[in-house]
Amino acid sequence: MANKQPIGPGQRYRDIGRGVFGASALQWAVETVFTGVDGVAYAHLVCITDRSQRKTLSLAVLGDRRRFVRIDETSES
């Protein structure tokens, strides 16, 4: 099921998928949101702990609760 909240710069997400060595602990911050030439909305993401890691995902993928969970700044310590 897709996330109902709009996705925008500054929001943080964690990948909930499992890799070869277990669950990913990487957290990603949305830098920008844009519409590609294909008409699809995308987000540029940067890894919070290693800013050299970057990726671009469609908003549909990022908003899919089966793949990513939004991290609430108020719940972080």
PDB file of N, CA and C in Angstrom:
ATOM      1  N   MET A   1       0.848  -1.178   0.000  1.00  0.00           N
ATOM      2  CA  MET A   1       0.000   0.000   0.000  1.00  0.00           C
ATOM      3  C   MET A   1       0.889   1.234   0.000  1.00  0.00           C
ATOM      4  N   ALA A   2       0.570   2.205  -0.774  1.00  0.00           N
ATOM      5  CA  ALA A   2       1.374   3.414  -0.905  1.00  0.00           C
ATOM      6  C   ALA A   2       1.152   4.350   0.280  1.00  0.00           C
ATOM      7  N   ASN A   3       2.191   5.125   0.558  1.00  0.00           N
ATOM      8  CA  ASN A   3       2.135   6.120   1.625  1.00  0.00           C
ATOM      9  C   ASN A   3       1.218   7.255   1.192  1.00  0.00           C
ATOM     10  N   LYS A   4       0.320   7.711   2.068  1.00  0.00           N
ATOM     11  CA  LYS A   4      -0.630   8.764   1.726  1.00  0.00           C
ATOM     12  C   LYS A   4      -0.065  10.164   1.954  1.00  0.00           C
ATOM     13  N   GLN A   5       1.018  10.287   2.740  1.00  0.00           N
ATOM     14  CA  GLN A   5       1.615  11.595   2.990  1.00  0.00           C
ATOM     15  C   GLN A   5       2.476  12.004   1.804  1.00  0.00           C
ATOM     16  N   PRO A   6       2.452  13.303   1.453  1.00  0.00           N
ATOM     17  CA  PRO A   6       3.307  13.752   0.355  1.00  0.00           C
ATOM     18  C   PRO A   6       4.780  13.604   0.726  1.00  0.00           C
ATOM     19  N   ILE A   7       5.584  13.291  -0.264  1.00  0.00           N
ATOM     20  CA  ILE A   7       7.026  13.127  -0.058  1.00  0.00           C
ATOM     21  C   ILE A   7       7.713  14.419  -0.472  1.00  0.00           C
ATOM     22  N   GLY A   8       8.607  14.909   0.398  1.00  0.00           N
ATOM     23  CA  GLY A   8       9.288  16.162   0.108  1.00  0.00           C
ATOM     24  C   GLY A   8      10.689  16.213   0.686  1.00  0.00           C
ATOM     25  N   PRO A   9      11.461  17.221   0.290  1.00  0.00           N
ATOM     26  CA  PRO A   9      12.831  17.376   0.771  1.00  0.00           C
ATOM     27  C   PRO A   9      12.900  17.426   2.293  1.00  0.00           C
ATOM     28  N   GLY A  10      13.948  16.789   2.821  1.00  0.00           N
ATOM     29  CA  GLY A  10      14.177  16.764   4.253  1.00  0.00           C
ATOM     30  C   GLY A  10      13.606  15.544   4.952  1.00  0.00           C
ATOM     31  N   GLN A  11      12.665  14.859   4.323  1.00  0.00           N
ATOM     32  CA  GLN A  11      12.089  13.670   4.944  1.00  0.00           C
ATOM     33  C   GLN A  11      13.109  12.536   4.911  1.00  0.00           C
ATOM     34  N   ARG A  12      12.998  11.651   5.899  1.00  0.00           N
ATOM     35  CA  ARG A  12      13.932  10.535   6.009  1.00  0.00           C
ATOM     36  C   ARG A  12      13.182   9.213   5.902  1.00  0.00           C
ATOM     37  N   TYR A  13      13.860   8.237   5.290  1.00  0.00           N
ATOM     38  CA  TYR A  13      13.280   6.917   5.071  1.00  0.00           C
ATOM     39  C   TYR A  13      14.315   5.843   5.360  1.00  0.00           C
ATOM     40  N   ARG A  14      13.826   4.665   5.734  1.00  0.00           N
ATOM     41  CA  ARG A  14      14.682   3.507   5.943  1.00  0.00           C
ATOM     42  C   ARG A  14      14.167   2.375   5.071  1.00  0.00           C
ATOM     43  N   ASP A  15      15.087   1.708   4.388  1.00  0.00           N
ATOM     44  CA  ASP A  15      14.764   0.557   3.559  1.00  0.00           C
ATOM     45  C   ASP A  15      14.450  -0.611   4.486  1.00  0.00           C
ATOM     46  N   ILE A  16      13.296  -1.240   4.312  1.00  0.00           N
ATOM     47  CA  ILE A  16      12.940  -2.360   5.185  1.00  0.00           C
ATOM     48  C   ILE A  16      13.216  -3.708   4.536  1.00  0.00           C
ATOM     49  N   GLY A  17      13.743  -3.687   3.326  1.00  0.00           N
ATOM     50  CA  GLY A  17      14.065  -4.934   2.641  1.00  0.00           C
ATOM     51  C   GLY A  17      15.256  -5.634   3.267  1.00  0.00           C
ATOM     52  N   ARG A  18      15.330  -6.923   3.045  1.00  0.00           N
ATOM     53  CA  ARG A  18      16.445  -7.704   3.573  1.00  0.00           C
ATOM     54  C   ARG A  18      17.442  -7.955   2.453  1.00  0.00           C
ATOM     55  N   GLY A  19      18.702  -7.729   2.763  1.00  0.00           N
ATOM     56  CA  GLY A  19      19.769  -8.001   1.820  1.00  0.00           C
ATOM     57  C   GLY A  19      20.393  -9.359   2.108  1.00  0.00           C
ATOM     58  N   VAL A  20      21.518  -9.613   1.510  1.00  0.00           N
ATOM     59  CA  VAL A  20      22.228 -10.870   1.688  1.00  0.00           C
ATOM     60  C   VAL A  20      22.620 -11.076   3.152  1.00  0.00           C
ATOM     61  N   PHE A  21      22.991 -10.000   3.837  1.00  0.00           N
ATOM     62  CA  PHE A  21      23.473 -10.099   5.212  1.00  0.00           C
ATOM     63  C   PHE A  21      22.438  -9.632   6.235  1.00  0.00           C
ATOM     64  N   GLY A  22      21.186  -9.600   5.885  1.00  0.00           N
ATOM     65  CA  GLY A  22      20.129  -9.198   6.813  1.00  0.00           C
ATOM     66  C   GLY A  22      19.509  -7.878   6.430  1.00  0.00           C
ATOM     67  N   ALA A  23      18.787  -7.302   7.380  1.00  0.00           N
ATOM     68  CA  ALA A  23      18.066  -6.050   7.132  1.00  0.00           C
ATOM     69  C   ALA A  23      19.037  -4.883   6.953  1.00  0.00           C
ATOM     70  N   SER A  24      18.687  -3.976   6.092  1.00  0.00           N
ATOM     71  CA  SER A  24      19.473  -2.774   5.855  1.00  0.00           C
ATOM     72  C   SER A  24      19.259  -1.788   6.992  1.00  0.00           C
ATOM     73  N   ALA A  25      20.345  -1.207   7.479  1.00  0.00           N
ATOM     74  CA  ALA A  25      20.242  -0.203   8.531  1.00  0.00           C
ATOM     75  C   ALA A  25      20.392   1.201   7.946  1.00  0.00           C
ATOM     76  N   LEU A  26      20.527   1.286   6.629  1.00  0.00           N
ATOM     77  CA  LEU A  26      20.747   2.581   6.005  1.00  0.00           C
ATOM     78  C   LEU A  26      19.498   3.448   6.052  1.00  0.00           C
ATOM     79  N   GLN A  27      19.738   4.704   6.340  1.00  0.00           N
ATOM     80  CA  GLN A  27      18.660   5.685   6.344  1.00  0.00           C
ATOM     81  C   GLN A  27      18.961   6.700   5.255  1.00  0.00           C
ATOM     82  N   TRP A  28      17.899   7.128   4.569  1.00  0.00           N
ATOM     83  CA  TRP A  28      18.024   8.001   3.420  1.00  0.00           C
ATOM     84  C   TRP A  28      17.243   9.288   3.637  1.00  0.00           C
ATOM     85  N   ALA A  29      17.798  10.402   3.191  1.00  0.00           N
ATOM     86  CA  ALA A  29      17.118  11.696   3.269  1.00  0.00           C
ATOM     87  C   ALA A  29      16.769  12.147   1.855  1.00  0.00           C
ATOM     88  N   VAL A  30      15.575  12.685   1.692  1.00  0.00           N
ATOM     89  CA  VAL A  30      15.149  13.206   0.394  1.00  0.00           C
ATOM     90  C   VAL A  30      15.820  14.565   0.185  1.00  0.00           C
ATOM     91  N   GLU A  31      16.590  14.691  -0.909  1.00  0.00           N
ATOM     92  CA  GLU A  31      17.213  15.979  -1.236  1.00  0.00           C
ATOM     93  C   GLU A  31      16.299  16.816  -2.121  1.00  0.00           C
ATOM     94  N   THR A  32      15.817  16.212  -3.194  1.00  0.00           N
ATOM     95  CA  THR A  32      14.933  16.919  -4.112  1.00  0.00           C
ATOM     96  C   THR A  32      13.878  15.958  -4.648  1.00  0.00           C
ATOM     97  N   VAL A  33      12.789  16.523  -5.104  1.00  0.00           N
ATOM     98  CA  VAL A  33      11.726  15.774  -5.772  1.00  0.00           C
ATOM     99  C   VAL A  33      11.547  16.429  -7.135  1.00  0.00           C
ATOM    100  N   PHE A  34      11.424  15.608  -8.187  1.00  0.00           N
ATOM    101  CA  PHE A  34      11.292  16.151  -9.539  1.00  0.00           C
ATOM    102  C   PHE A  34      10.491  15.204 -10.407  1.00  0.00           C
ATOM    103  N   THR A  35      10.031  15.706 -11.517  1.00  0.00           N
ATOM    104  CA  THR A  35       9.333  14.890 -12.505  1.00  0.00           C
ATOM    105  C   THR A  35      10.283  14.653 -13.671  1.00  0.00           C
ATOM    106  N   GLY A  36      10.499  13.385 -13.995  1.00  0.00           N
ATOM    107  CA  GLY A  36      11.395  13.022 -15.089  1.00  0.00           C
ATOM    108  C   GLY A  36      10.755  13.262 -16.449  1.00  0.00           C
ATOM    109  N   VAL A  37      11.571  13.139 -17.488  1.00  0.00           N
ATOM    110  CA  VAL A  37      11.070  13.334 -18.852  1.00  0.00           C
ATOM    111  C   VAL A  37      10.018  12.287 -19.213  1.00  0.00           C
ATOM    112  N   ASP A  38       9.990  11.189 -18.446  1.00  0.00           N
ATOM    113  CA  ASP A  38       8.988  10.148 -18.674  1.00  0.00           C
ATOM    114  C   ASP A  38       7.671  10.443 -17.970  1.00  0.00           C
ATOM    115  N   GLY A  39       7.596  11.589 -17.256  1.00  0.00           N
ATOM    116  CA  GLY A  39       6.375  11.979 -16.570  1.00  0.00           C
ATOM    117  C   GLY A  39       6.217  11.371 -15.182  1.00  0.00           C
ATOM    118  N   VAL A  40       7.208  10.600 -14.743  1.00  0.00           N
ATOM    119  CA  VAL A  40       7.161   9.947 -13.432  1.00  0.00           C
ATOM    120  C   VAL A  40       7.828  10.849 -12.395  1.00  0.00           C
ATOM    121  N   ALA A  41       7.249  10.922 -11.194  1.00  0.00           N
ATOM    122  CA  ALA A  41       7.828  11.713 -10.102  1.00  0.00           C
ATOM    123  C   ALA A  41       8.903  10.890  -9.400  1.00  0.00           C
ATOM    124  N   TYR A  42      10.056  11.515  -9.156  1.00  0.00           N
ATOM    125  CA  TYR A  42      11.206  10.858  -8.540  1.00  0.00           C
ATOM    126  C   TYR A  42      11.713  11.665  -7.355  1.00  0.00           C
ATOM    127  N   ALA A  43      12.524  10.998  -6.516  1.00  0.00           N
ATOM    128  CA  ALA A  43      13.212  11.666  -5.415  1.00  0.00           C
ATOM    129  C   ALA A  43      14.698  11.331  -5.495  1.00  0.00           C
ATOM    130  N   HIS A  44      15.541  12.357  -5.355  1.00  0.00           N
ATOM    131  CA  HIS A  44      16.980  12.148  -5.180  1.00  0.00           C
ATOM    132  C   HIS A  44      17.191  11.919  -3.692  1.00  0.00           C
ATOM    133  N   LEU A  45      17.863  10.809  -3.335  1.00  0.00           N
ATOM    134  CA  LEU A  45      18.101  10.466  -1.936  1.00  0.00           C
ATOM    135  C   LEU A  45      19.594  10.461  -1.648  1.00  0.00           C
ATOM    136  N   VAL A  46      19.944  10.799  -0.406  1.00  0.00           N
ATOM    137  CA  VAL A  46      21.325  10.728   0.047  1.00  0.00           C
ATOM    138  C   VAL A  46      21.334   9.951   1.355  1.00  0.00           C
ATOM    139  N   CYS A  47      22.331   9.074   1.520  1.00  0.00           N
ATOM    140  CA  CYS A  47      22.454   8.281   2.736  1.00  0.00           C
ATOM    141  C   CYS A  47      22.852   9.211   3.884  1.00  0.00           C
ATOM    142  N   ILE A  48      22.194   9.069   5.025  1.00  0.00           N
ATOM    143  CA  ILE A  48      22.439   9.958   6.157  1.00  0.00           C
ATOM    144  C   ILE A  48      23.823   9.735   6.759  1.00  0.00           C
ATOM    145  N   THR A  49      24.286   8.491   6.814  1.00  0.00           N
ATOM    146  CA  THR A  49      25.572   8.196   7.446  1.00  0.00           C
ATOM    147  C   THR A  49      26.753   8.251   6.487  1.00  0.00           C
ATOM    148  N   ASP A  50      26.506   8.186   5.190  1.00  0.00           N
ATOM    149  CA  ASP A  50      27.573   8.239   4.183  1.00  0.00           C
ATOM    150  C   ASP A  50      27.056   9.024   2.989  1.00  0.00           C
ATOM    151  N   ARG A  51      27.297  10.328   3.007  1.00  0.00           N
ATOM    152  CA  ARG A  51      26.732  11.222   1.993  1.00  0.00           C
ATOM    153  C   ARG A  51      27.250  10.945   0.582  1.00  0.00           C
ATOM    154  N   SER A  52      28.247  10.074   0.451  1.00  0.00           N
ATOM    155  CA  SER A  52      28.713   9.713  -0.893  1.00  0.00           C
ATOM    156  C   SER A  52      27.768   8.712  -1.562  1.00  0.00           C
ATOM    157  N   GLN A  53      26.913   8.066  -0.778  1.00  0.00           N
ATOM    158  CA  GLN A  53      25.930   7.132  -1.326  1.00  0.00           C
ATOM    159  C   GLN A  53      24.659   7.888  -1.678  1.00  0.00           C
ATOM    160  N   ARG A  54      24.285   7.814  -2.935  1.00  0.00           N
ATOM    161  CA  ARG A  54      23.098   8.508  -3.432  1.00  0.00           C
ATOM    162  C   ARG A  54      22.326   7.575  -4.352  1.00  0.00           C
ATOM    163  N   LYS A  55      21.019   7.820  -4.437  1.00  0.00           N
ATOM    164  CA  LYS A  55      20.215   7.070  -5.395  1.00  0.00           C
ATOM    165  C   LYS A  55      18.969   7.868  -5.741  1.00  0.00           C
ATOM    166  N   THR A  56      18.342   7.469  -6.827  1.00  0.00           N
ATOM    167  CA  THR A  56      17.108   8.089  -7.293  1.00  0.00           C
ATOM    168  C   THR A  56      16.050   7.003  -7.369  1.00  0.00           C
ATOM    169  N   LEU A  57      14.907   7.272  -6.741  1.00  0.00           N
ATOM    170  CA  LEU A  57      13.791   6.328  -6.751  1.00  0.00           C
ATOM    171  C   LEU A  57      12.517   7.051  -7.152  1.00  0.00           C
ATOM    172  N   SER A  58      11.596   6.326  -7.743  1.00  0.00           N
ATOM    173  CA  SER A  58      10.291   6.922  -8.009  1.00  0.00           C
ATOM    174  C   SER A  58       9.582   7.123  -6.678  1.00  0.00           C
ATOM    175  N   LEU A  59       8.696   8.119  -6.623  1.00  0.00           N
ATOM    176  CA  LEU A  59       7.937   8.365  -5.403  1.00  0.00           C
ATOM    177  C   LEU A  59       7.033   7.181  -5.077  1.00  0.00           C
ATOM    178  N   ALA A  60       6.591   6.458  -6.110  1.00  0.00           N
ATOM    179  CA  ALA A  60       5.761   5.279  -5.885  1.00  0.00           C
ATOM    180  C   ALA A  60       6.537   4.210  -5.114  1.00  0.00           C
ATOM    181  N   VAL A  61       7.795   4.005  -5.443  1.00  0.00           N
ATOM    182  CA  VAL A  61       8.630   3.023  -4.747  1.00  0.00           C
ATOM    183  C   VAL A  61       8.942   3.512  -3.336  1.00  0.00           C
ATOM    184  N   LEU A  62       9.356   4.763  -3.201  1.00  0.00           N
ATOM    185  CA  LEU A  62       9.697   5.315  -1.891  1.00  0.00           C
ATOM    186  C   LEU A  62       8.488   5.336  -0.950  1.00  0.00           C
ATOM    187  N   GLY A  63       7.315   5.548  -1.487  1.00  0.00           N
ATOM    188  CA  GLY A  63       6.102   5.584  -0.680  1.00  0.00           C
ATOM    189  C   GLY A  63       5.490   4.226  -0.394  1.00  0.00           C
ATOM    190  N   ASP A  64       6.064   3.166  -0.957  1.00  0.00           N
ATOM    191  CA  ASP A  64       5.555   1.811  -0.752  1.00  0.00           C
ATOM    192  C   ASP A  64       5.985   1.306   0.623  1.00  0.00           C
ATOM    193  N   ARG A  65       5.054   1.152   1.534  1.00  0.00           N
ATOM    194  CA  ARG A  65       5.353   0.743   2.913  1.00  0.00           C
ATOM    195  C   ARG A  65       5.921  -0.670   3.007  1.00  0.00           C
ATOM    196  N   ARG A  66       5.811  -1.447   1.947  1.00  0.00           N
ATOM    197  CA  ARG A  66       6.427  -2.776   1.946  1.00  0.00           C
ATOM    198  C   ARG A  66       7.919  -2.686   1.669  1.00  0.00           C
ATOM    199  N   ARG A  67       8.391  -1.514   1.202  1.00  0.00           N
ATOM    200  CA  ARG A  67       9.804  -1.356   0.844  1.00  0.00           C
ATOM    201  C   ARG A  67      10.534  -0.324   1.685  1.00  0.00           C
ATOM    202  N   PHE A  68       9.830   0.750   2.060  1.00  0.00           N
ATOM    203  CA  PHE A  68      10.448   1.827   2.833  1.00  0.00           C
ATOM    204  C   PHE A  68       9.510   2.285   3.933  1.00  0.00           C
ATOM    205  N   VAL A  69      10.092   2.729   5.049  1.00  0.00           N
ATOM    206  CA  VAL A  69       9.310   3.299   6.131  1.00  0.00           C
ATOM    207  C   VAL A  69       9.846   4.709   6.394  1.00  0.00           C
ATOM    208  N   ARG A  70       8.914   5.637   6.561  1.00  0.00           N
ATOM    209  CA  ARG A  70       9.313   7.010   6.852  1.00  0.00           C
ATOM    210  C   ARG A  70       9.753   7.093   8.305  1.00  0.00           C
ATOM    211  N   ILE A  71      10.859   7.777   8.545  1.00  0.00           N
ATOM    212  CA  ILE A  71      11.382   7.956   9.883  1.00  0.00           C
ATOM    213  C   ILE A  71      10.893   9.297  10.408  1.00  0.00           C
ATOM    214  N   ASP A  72      10.215   9.252  11.522  1.00  0.00           N
ATOM    215  CA  ASP A  72       9.683  10.448  12.146  1.00  0.00           C
ATOM    216  C   ASP A  72      10.790  11.097  12.973  1.00  0.00           C
ATOM    217  N   GLU A  73      11.128  12.352  12.678  1.00  0.00           N
ATOM    218  CA  GLU A  73      12.187  13.039  13.410  1.00  0.00           C
ATOM    219  C   GLU A  73      11.902  13.082  14.908  1.00  0.00           C
ATOM    220  N   THR A  74      10.642  13.133  15.299  1.00  0.00           N
ATOM    221  CA  THR A  74      10.298  13.218  16.715  1.00  0.00           C
ATOM    222  C   THR A  74      10.542  11.892  17.429  1.00  0.00           C
ATOM    223  N   SER A  75      10.611  10.780  16.696  1.00  0.00           N
ATOM    224  CA  SER A  75      10.825   9.484  17.339  1.00  0.00           C
ATOM    225  C   SER A  75      12.296   9.093  17.386  1.00  0.00           C
ATOM    226  N   GLU A  76      13.161   9.872  16.730  1.00  0.00           N
ATOM    227  CA  GLU A  76      14.589   9.573  16.744  1.00  0.00           C
ATOM    228  C   GLU A  76      15.207  10.069  18.034  1.00  0.00           C
ATOM    229  N   SER A  77      16.264   9.363  18.488  1.00  0.00           N
ATOM    230  CA  SER A  77      16.960   9.852  19.677  1.00  0.00           C
ATOM    231  C   SER A  77      18.377  10.217  19.344  1.00  0.00           C
TER     232      SER A  77
END
